[in-house]
Amino acid sequence: MTGSEVPPSFRLAYVPGMTPTKWVRIWNERLAGVPLTLVAVTAAEAADALRHGDADAALLRLPVDRADLSAIPLYTETTVVVIPKDHVGAAVEELSVADLADEVVLHPLDDTLEWERPPGRPAFERPATTADAVELVAAGVGLLVVPQSLARLYHRKDLTYRPLTAPDAEPSAAGPESALSGPSVPGSRVALSWPEARTTDLVEEFIGIVRGRTVNSTRGPKKSPAAREAAGRPNRGGAARGASAGGTKSGGAKSGGTKGGGPKSGAKAGARTGGGTGAGSGRSTKGTKGAKGGRSAGGGKGSGKGTAKRGRPGRTS
C-alpha cells in the first residue's frame, strides 16, 4: 500500500436511543478488514453529519429531506409517558391522551414526535433537551412523552413509563362522521439514511445487514455472463454421464428408449456402455443396429450376440 492509499472504513452516525450493537457485530464478522466507527450525534445534527461527510450513513428519526438524502424506514417506536414511580398512572398498564388532560406535559425543544396538538397542559417554559425534561419529571414539575428508546436511555430508579394510547372515538348524535376524538399519538419512525450521491459499496453492505440479508445474499462480486449462464442452466448432461457410467436409468431408458430419439440413440448408447447398457438400449432398435452397437463397443462376442437376439423381434414392433 502506497502512502496515498487510505484503507477503507465506515462511519455510522446514530441519534440518542438507537442501539446499533447487533448490526455492528454482524459487520465485524463479515467485514473484519473494514473498521466501523460509531459517531454519536443529536437528532438535529444527524442530517448535517451526512451532508458534511462526517458519516457515511446514519440511524436517525424521520422525517429527513429526501432532496439529497436517501432513507430506508426500519421500524416505528412505541410512544410512552415518563412518570414518577409514585404517580397514580404507575398503577395501570397504559395511559391515554385523555388521562393527561389535567397534567403538565413537558415539551422539550429537541422533541422528536410530530404532534398536531401536544397532550396535557403546557409547562411555563420548554426544556432545552429531553435529558433536562427527565430531570424535571423527577422533580415533580410535569410528565414527559417520548419514544420508548429515550425513556430507556434516560432511565432513573425513581421514574417509570407507560405506553400512551389515543382515546377511543366517541360518536355523537350527529352520526359517526362527526365522532369526537382526541389527538392521535404519533410514533417515532426510525430509518437508515445516507447521502444519495454517495451510495458506496460499503453503504450497500450495511443496508444488507440492516435488512437481514444472509452472508450469501449480500452484495458481492458480480458473476460473469458465462458464470451466470452456467449457474442457471439446467443439468442437460445427466443422460450422457449415466450412459458412459453404465447406469440403466440414464443411459438405457432415456438415451435408448422412446424419448431418446429412436434407433440411433439406442445404438450409440450401447456403443458407449460396452455391452451392459447397450444391450438394454438395443431392445427398442432394429436387430442389426443393436448388434452392431454391441460389437463396436468392445463388449465382446457375447455382448454382440445378445443384443442381436433381442433386436430381431424389434422389427415387428
Protein backbone atom coordinates (compact mmCIF):
# COMPACT_ATOMS: atom_id res chain seq x y z
CA MET A 1 0.00 0.00 0.00
CA THR A 2 1.40 3.36 -1.00
CA GLY A 3 1.30 6.45 1.18
CA SER A 4 -1.57 7.94 -0.83
CA GLU A 5 -3.85 4.95 -0.35
CA VAL A 6 -6.31 5.14 2.54
CA PRO A 7 -7.63 1.85 3.95
CA PRO A 8 -11.42 1.53 3.72
CA SER A 9 -13.52 2.37 6.75
CA PHE A 10 -17.18 3.02 7.53
CA ARG A 11 -18.62 5.69 9.83
CA LEU A 12 -22.11 5.19 11.23
CA ALA A 13 -23.83 8.08 12.99
CA TYR A 14 -26.66 7.40 15.42
CA VAL A 15 -29.05 9.55 17.40
CA PRO A 16 -29.84 9.11 21.14
CA GLY A 17 -31.82 5.99 21.87
CA MET A 18 -30.53 3.99 18.91
CA THR A 19 -28.77 0.71 19.68
CA PRO A 20 -26.81 -0.44 16.61
CA THR A 21 -24.88 -3.08 18.57
CA LYS A 22 -26.32 -6.10 16.72
CA TRP A 23 -25.64 -4.64 13.27
CA VAL A 24 -22.12 -3.59 14.25
CA ARG A 25 -21.39 -7.13 15.44
CA ILE A 26 -22.57 -8.62 12.13
CA TRP A 27 -20.48 -6.06 10.24
CA ASN A 28 -17.35 -7.01 12.20
CA GLU A 29 -17.98 -10.69 11.45
CA ARG A 30 -18.45 -10.18 7.71
CA LEU A 31 -16.07 -7.30 7.01
CA ALA A 32 -13.34 -7.79 9.56
CA GLY A 33 -10.88 -5.77 7.47
CA VAL A 34 -13.09 -2.67 7.33
CA PRO A 35 -13.38 -0.94 10.72
CA LEU A 36 -16.77 0.55 11.60
CA THR A 37 -16.70 3.72 13.68
CA LEU A 38 -19.77 4.89 15.62
CA VAL A 39 -20.46 8.62 15.65
CA ALA A 40 -22.92 9.88 18.29
CA VAL A 41 -24.99 12.87 17.12
CA THR A 42 -28.09 14.66 18.30
CA ALA A 43 -31.33 14.35 16.36
CA ALA A 44 -30.84 17.85 14.97
CA GLU A 45 -27.25 17.12 13.86
CA ALA A 46 -27.83 13.80 12.09
CA ALA A 47 -28.75 15.08 8.62
CA ASP A 48 -25.93 17.64 8.54
CA ALA A 49 -23.41 14.99 9.61
CA LEU A 50 -24.29 13.10 6.43
CA ARG A 51 -24.22 16.17 4.20
CA HIS A 52 -20.86 17.36 5.52
CA GLY A 53 -19.22 13.95 5.15
CA ASP A 54 -18.84 13.33 8.88
CA ALA A 55 -20.61 9.96 8.49
CA ASP A 56 -21.29 7.51 5.66
CA ALA A 57 -24.73 6.57 6.98
CA ALA A 58 -26.89 7.34 9.99
CA LEU A 59 -29.55 5.76 12.15
CA LEU A 60 -31.94 8.64 12.74
CA ARG A 61 -35.58 9.56 13.15
CA LEU A 62 -37.76 10.64 10.26
CA PRO A 63 -38.53 12.91 8.59
CA VAL A 64 -35.43 13.78 6.57
CA ASP A 65 -35.09 15.91 3.47
CA ARG A 66 -35.30 13.44 0.58
CA ALA A 67 -33.91 16.01 -1.88
CA ASP A 68 -30.35 14.86 -1.17
CA LEU A 69 -30.68 12.05 1.39
CA SER A 70 -31.92 8.52 0.85
CA ALA A 71 -33.69 6.73 3.70
CA ILE A 72 -35.00 3.25 4.44
CA PRO A 73 -37.64 3.18 7.22
CA LEU A 74 -36.82 0.41 9.69
CA TYR A 75 -39.50 0.48 12.39
CA THR A 76 -41.79 2.76 14.41
CA GLU A 77 -41.16 3.09 18.13
CA THR A 78 -43.82 2.89 20.82
CA THR A 79 -44.65 6.25 22.39
CA VAL A 80 -44.60 6.28 26.21
CA VAL A 81 -45.23 8.64 29.14
CA VAL A 82 -42.39 9.09 31.64
CA ILE A 83 -43.87 9.45 35.14
CA PRO A 84 -42.66 9.26 38.76
CA LYS A 85 -42.99 5.83 40.29
CA ASP A 86 -45.43 7.17 42.89
CA HIS A 87 -47.71 8.70 40.24
CA VAL A 88 -51.25 7.35 40.04
CA GLY A 89 -50.59 6.33 36.42
CA ALA A 90 -48.00 3.80 37.57
CA ALA A 91 -50.85 1.58 38.80
CA VAL A 92 -52.14 0.90 35.25
CA GLU A 93 -50.59 -0.81 32.25
CA GLU A 94 -51.08 2.09 29.83
CA LEU A 95 -52.28 5.68 29.75
CA SER A 96 -54.38 7.52 27.17
CA VAL A 97 -54.13 11.09 25.97
CA ALA A 98 -57.32 11.81 27.92
CA ASP A 99 -55.59 10.74 31.14
CA LEU A 100 -53.08 13.56 30.64
CA ALA A 101 -55.65 16.32 30.15
CA ASP A 102 -55.05 17.86 33.58
CA GLU A 103 -51.33 17.10 33.75
CA VAL A 104 -48.45 19.40 32.90
CA VAL A 105 -46.70 17.72 29.98
CA LEU A 106 -43.18 18.88 29.17
CA HIS A 107 -42.34 19.52 25.52
CA PRO A 108 -38.54 19.79 25.09
CA LEU A 109 -37.05 21.72 22.18
CA ASP A 110 -35.42 18.55 20.81
CA ASP A 111 -38.70 16.61 20.83
CA THR A 112 -38.73 14.03 18.02
CA LEU A 113 -42.50 13.44 17.98
CA GLU A 114 -44.60 15.34 15.46
CA TRP A 115 -47.67 16.41 17.38
CA GLU A 116 -50.71 18.03 15.84
CA ARG A 117 -51.56 19.13 19.35
CA PRO A 118 -49.41 18.04 22.32
CA PRO A 119 -51.39 16.43 25.13
CA GLY A 120 -51.93 17.89 28.60
CA ARG A 121 -51.24 21.43 29.75
CA PRO A 122 -48.05 23.13 28.54
CA ALA A 123 -45.31 23.96 31.00
CA PHE A 124 -44.36 27.57 31.65
CA GLU A 125 -41.12 27.04 29.73
CA ARG A 126 -39.93 24.39 27.30
CA PRO A 127 -36.84 22.43 28.46
CA ALA A 128 -33.86 22.63 26.13
CA THR A 129 -33.30 18.87 25.87
CA THR A 130 -35.03 15.61 26.63
CA ALA A 131 -32.43 14.91 29.31
CA ASP A 132 -33.38 18.18 31.02
CA ALA A 133 -37.06 17.26 30.80
CA VAL A 134 -36.41 13.91 32.50
CA GLU A 135 -34.80 15.74 35.41
CA LEU A 136 -37.89 17.94 35.69
CA VAL A 137 -40.15 14.89 35.77
CA ALA A 138 -38.08 13.53 38.65
CA ALA A 139 -38.51 16.88 40.41
CA GLY A 140 -42.30 16.64 40.09
CA VAL A 141 -42.66 19.52 37.63
CA GLY A 142 -44.57 17.54 34.99
CA LEU A 143 -44.71 14.45 32.77
CA LEU A 144 -42.89 13.70 29.54
CA VAL A 145 -43.94 11.90 26.35
CA VAL A 146 -41.09 10.35 24.35
CA PRO A 147 -40.21 7.34 22.16
CA GLN A 148 -39.65 4.26 24.29
CA SER A 149 -35.92 4.07 23.47
CA LEU A 150 -35.39 7.53 25.02
CA ALA A 151 -37.28 6.52 28.15
CA ARG A 152 -34.89 3.59 28.47
CA LEU A 153 -31.84 5.72 27.70
CA TYR A 154 -32.64 8.23 30.45
CA HIS A 155 -33.95 5.66 32.93
CA ARG A 156 -33.88 6.58 36.61
CA LYS A 157 -34.75 4.46 39.62
CA ASP A 158 -37.38 6.93 40.72
CA LEU A 159 -39.11 7.04 37.32
CA THR A 160 -41.06 4.61 35.19
CA TYR A 161 -43.01 4.82 31.93
CA ARG A 162 -46.26 3.59 30.42
CA PRO A 163 -47.38 3.26 26.76
CA LEU A 164 -49.52 6.15 25.58
CA THR A 165 -52.67 5.45 23.55
CA ALA A 166 -55.13 7.69 21.76
CA PRO A 167 -58.64 7.99 23.25
CA ASP A 168 -61.40 5.98 21.63
CA ALA A 169 -63.67 7.92 19.33
CA GLU A 170 -66.98 8.90 20.91
CA PRO A 171 -69.84 9.04 18.38
CA SER A 172 -72.20 11.98 18.77
CA ALA A 173 -75.85 12.46 17.93
CA ALA A 174 -74.88 13.82 14.51
CA GLY A 175 -73.58 10.41 13.49
CA PRO A 176 -70.23 8.59 13.23
CA GLU A 177 -68.87 11.12 10.73
CA SER A 178 -68.76 13.74 13.47
CA ALA A 179 -67.15 11.50 16.06
CA LEU A 180 -65.19 13.39 18.66
CA SER A 181 -61.72 12.10 19.04
CA GLY A 182 -58.73 13.37 20.90
CA PRO A 183 -55.33 13.97 19.35
CA SER A 184 -53.67 10.94 17.81
CA VAL A 185 -50.42 9.61 19.26
CA PRO A 186 -47.51 9.93 16.82
CA GLY A 187 -44.84 7.27 16.71
CA SER A 188 -41.17 7.90 16.15
CA ARG A 189 -40.09 6.37 12.84
CA VAL A 190 -36.51 5.13 12.78
CA ALA A 191 -34.65 4.96 9.47
CA LEU A 192 -31.25 4.29 7.95
CA SER A 193 -30.21 7.31 5.89
CA TRP A 194 -27.23 8.23 3.70
CA PRO A 195 -26.32 10.83 1.05
CA GLU A 196 -27.87 9.75 -2.23
CA ALA A 197 -24.81 10.91 -4.18
CA ARG A 198 -22.54 8.70 -2.04
CA THR A 199 -24.23 5.30 -2.20
CA THR A 200 -20.99 3.34 -1.96
CA ASP A 201 -20.43 -0.40 -1.85
CA LEU A 202 -19.92 -0.19 1.92
CA VAL A 203 -23.25 1.61 2.30
CA GLU A 204 -24.87 -1.19 0.30
CA GLU A 205 -23.22 -3.73 2.58
CA PHE A 206 -24.67 -2.06 5.67
CA ILE A 207 -28.11 -1.82 4.04
CA GLY A 208 -27.97 -5.57 3.50
CA ILE A 209 -27.08 -6.17 7.14
CA VAL A 210 -29.86 -3.92 8.42
CA ARG A 211 -32.38 -5.62 6.13
CA GLY A 212 -31.38 -9.02 7.47
CA ARG A 213 -29.72 -10.46 4.38
CA THR A 214 -27.60 -13.54 4.99
CA VAL A 215 -23.91 -13.64 4.18
CA ASN A 216 -24.70 -15.48 0.92
CA SER A 217 -27.25 -12.92 -0.24
CA THR A 218 -25.39 -9.69 0.45
CA ARG A 219 -23.83 -7.74 -2.41
CA GLY A 220 -20.63 -9.28 -3.65
CA PRO A 221 -18.53 -9.59 -6.81
CA LYS A 222 -20.74 -9.87 -9.86
CA LYS A 223 -20.56 -13.13 -11.76
CA SER A 224 -19.51 -13.08 -15.39
CA PRO A 225 -22.22 -13.75 -18.01
CA ALA A 226 -20.79 -17.23 -18.57
CA ALA A 227 -20.88 -17.99 -14.84
CA ARG A 228 -24.43 -16.71 -14.50
CA GLU A 229 -25.47 -18.79 -17.51
CA ALA A 230 -23.83 -21.88 -16.07
CA ALA A 231 -25.47 -21.31 -12.68
CA GLY A 232 -28.91 -21.01 -14.21
CA ARG A 233 -28.54 -23.71 -16.88
CA PRO A 234 -30.43 -26.98 -16.21
CA ASN A 235 -28.37 -30.16 -15.96
CA ARG A 236 -28.57 -31.47 -19.51
CA GLY A 237 -25.62 -33.82 -19.28
CA GLY A 238 -27.23 -36.32 -16.92
CA ALA A 239 -28.15 -38.83 -19.62
CA ALA A 240 -24.72 -38.77 -21.22
CA ARG A 241 -22.95 -39.19 -17.89
CA GLY A 242 -25.27 -42.01 -16.93
CA ALA A 243 -24.67 -43.83 -20.20
CA SER A 244 -20.91 -43.59 -20.00
CA ALA A 245 -21.03 -44.93 -16.46
CA GLY A 246 -23.22 -47.86 -17.45
CA GLY A 247 -26.25 -46.54 -15.48
CA THR A 248 -29.51 -48.20 -16.52
CA LYS A 249 -31.78 -45.22 -15.72
CA SER A 250 -29.87 -42.50 -17.55
CA GLY A 251 -28.24 -44.42 -20.36
CA GLY A 252 -30.70 -47.22 -21.03
CA ALA A 253 -34.16 -45.78 -20.67
CA LYS A 254 -33.69 -42.16 -21.65
CA SER A 255 -30.98 -42.49 -24.31
CA GLY A 256 -32.16 -45.64 -25.96
CA GLY A 257 -35.91 -45.53 -25.25
CA THR A 258 -38.73 -43.74 -26.94
CA LYS A 259 -37.66 -40.31 -25.57
CA GLY A 260 -34.05 -40.71 -26.63
CA GLY A 261 -34.65 -40.32 -30.36
CA GLY A 262 -35.27 -43.85 -31.69
CA PRO A 263 -32.92 -46.47 -33.19
CA LYS A 264 -29.79 -44.39 -33.49
CA SER A 265 -29.88 -43.34 -29.87
CA GLY A 266 -30.08 -46.96 -28.77
CA ALA A 267 -27.12 -47.99 -30.84
CA LYS A 268 -24.98 -45.09 -29.70
CA ALA A 269 -25.80 -45.70 -26.05
CA GLY A 270 -24.89 -49.36 -26.50
CA ALA A 271 -21.60 -48.43 -28.05
CA ARG A 272 -20.62 -46.16 -25.19
CA THR A 273 -21.56 -48.54 -22.40
CA GLY A 274 -19.54 -51.51 -23.55
CA GLY A 275 -22.38 -54.06 -23.66
CA GLY A 276 -24.41 -53.75 -20.46
CA THR A 277 -26.45 -50.68 -21.18
CA GLY A 278 -26.06 -51.09 -24.92
CA ALA A 279 -27.90 -54.38 -24.79
CA GLY A 280 -30.76 -52.78 -22.85
CA SER A 281 -30.92 -49.87 -25.23
CA GLY A 282 -30.94 -52.13 -28.27
CA ARG A 283 -34.35 -53.53 -27.35
CA SER A 284 -36.12 -50.59 -28.94
CA THR A 285 -33.92 -50.64 -32.08
CA LYS A 286 -33.60 -52.89 -35.08
CA GLY A 287 -31.59 -56.06 -34.57
CA THR A 288 -28.81 -55.27 -36.98
CA LYS A 289 -28.08 -51.89 -35.44
CA GLY A 290 -28.36 -53.26 -31.93
CA ALA A 291 -25.83 -55.98 -32.74
CA LYS A 292 -23.56 -53.57 -34.49
CA GLY A 293 -23.70 -51.28 -31.45
CA GLY A 294 -22.84 -54.14 -29.14
CA ARG A 295 -19.83 -55.27 -31.18
CA SER A 296 -18.44 -51.80 -31.77
CA ALA A 297 -18.47 -51.12 -28.07
CA GLY A 298 -15.79 -53.67 -27.48
CA GLY A 299 -18.06 -55.60 -25.19
CA GLY A 300 -17.07 -58.96 -26.70
CA LYS A 301 -18.79 -61.56 -28.83
CA GLY A 302 -21.31 -62.39 -26.17
CA SER A 303 -22.49 -58.83 -25.90
CA GLY A 304 -22.97 -58.52 -29.66
CA LYS A 305 -24.96 -61.74 -29.97
CA GLY A 306 -27.09 -60.94 -27.03
CA THR A 307 -28.06 -57.62 -28.48
CA ALA A 308 -28.74 -59.11 -31.90
CA LYS A 309 -31.08 -61.76 -30.49
CA ARG A 310 -33.05 -59.17 -28.61
CA GLY A 311 -33.08 -56.92 -31.65
CA ARG A 312 -34.79 -59.37 -34.09
CA PRO A 313 -38.25 -59.24 -32.58
CA GLY A 314 -37.91 -55.48 -32.62
CA ARG A 315 -38.51 -55.43 -36.41
CA THR A 316 -42.15 -56.36 -35.99
CA SER A 317 -42.85 -53.79 -33.23
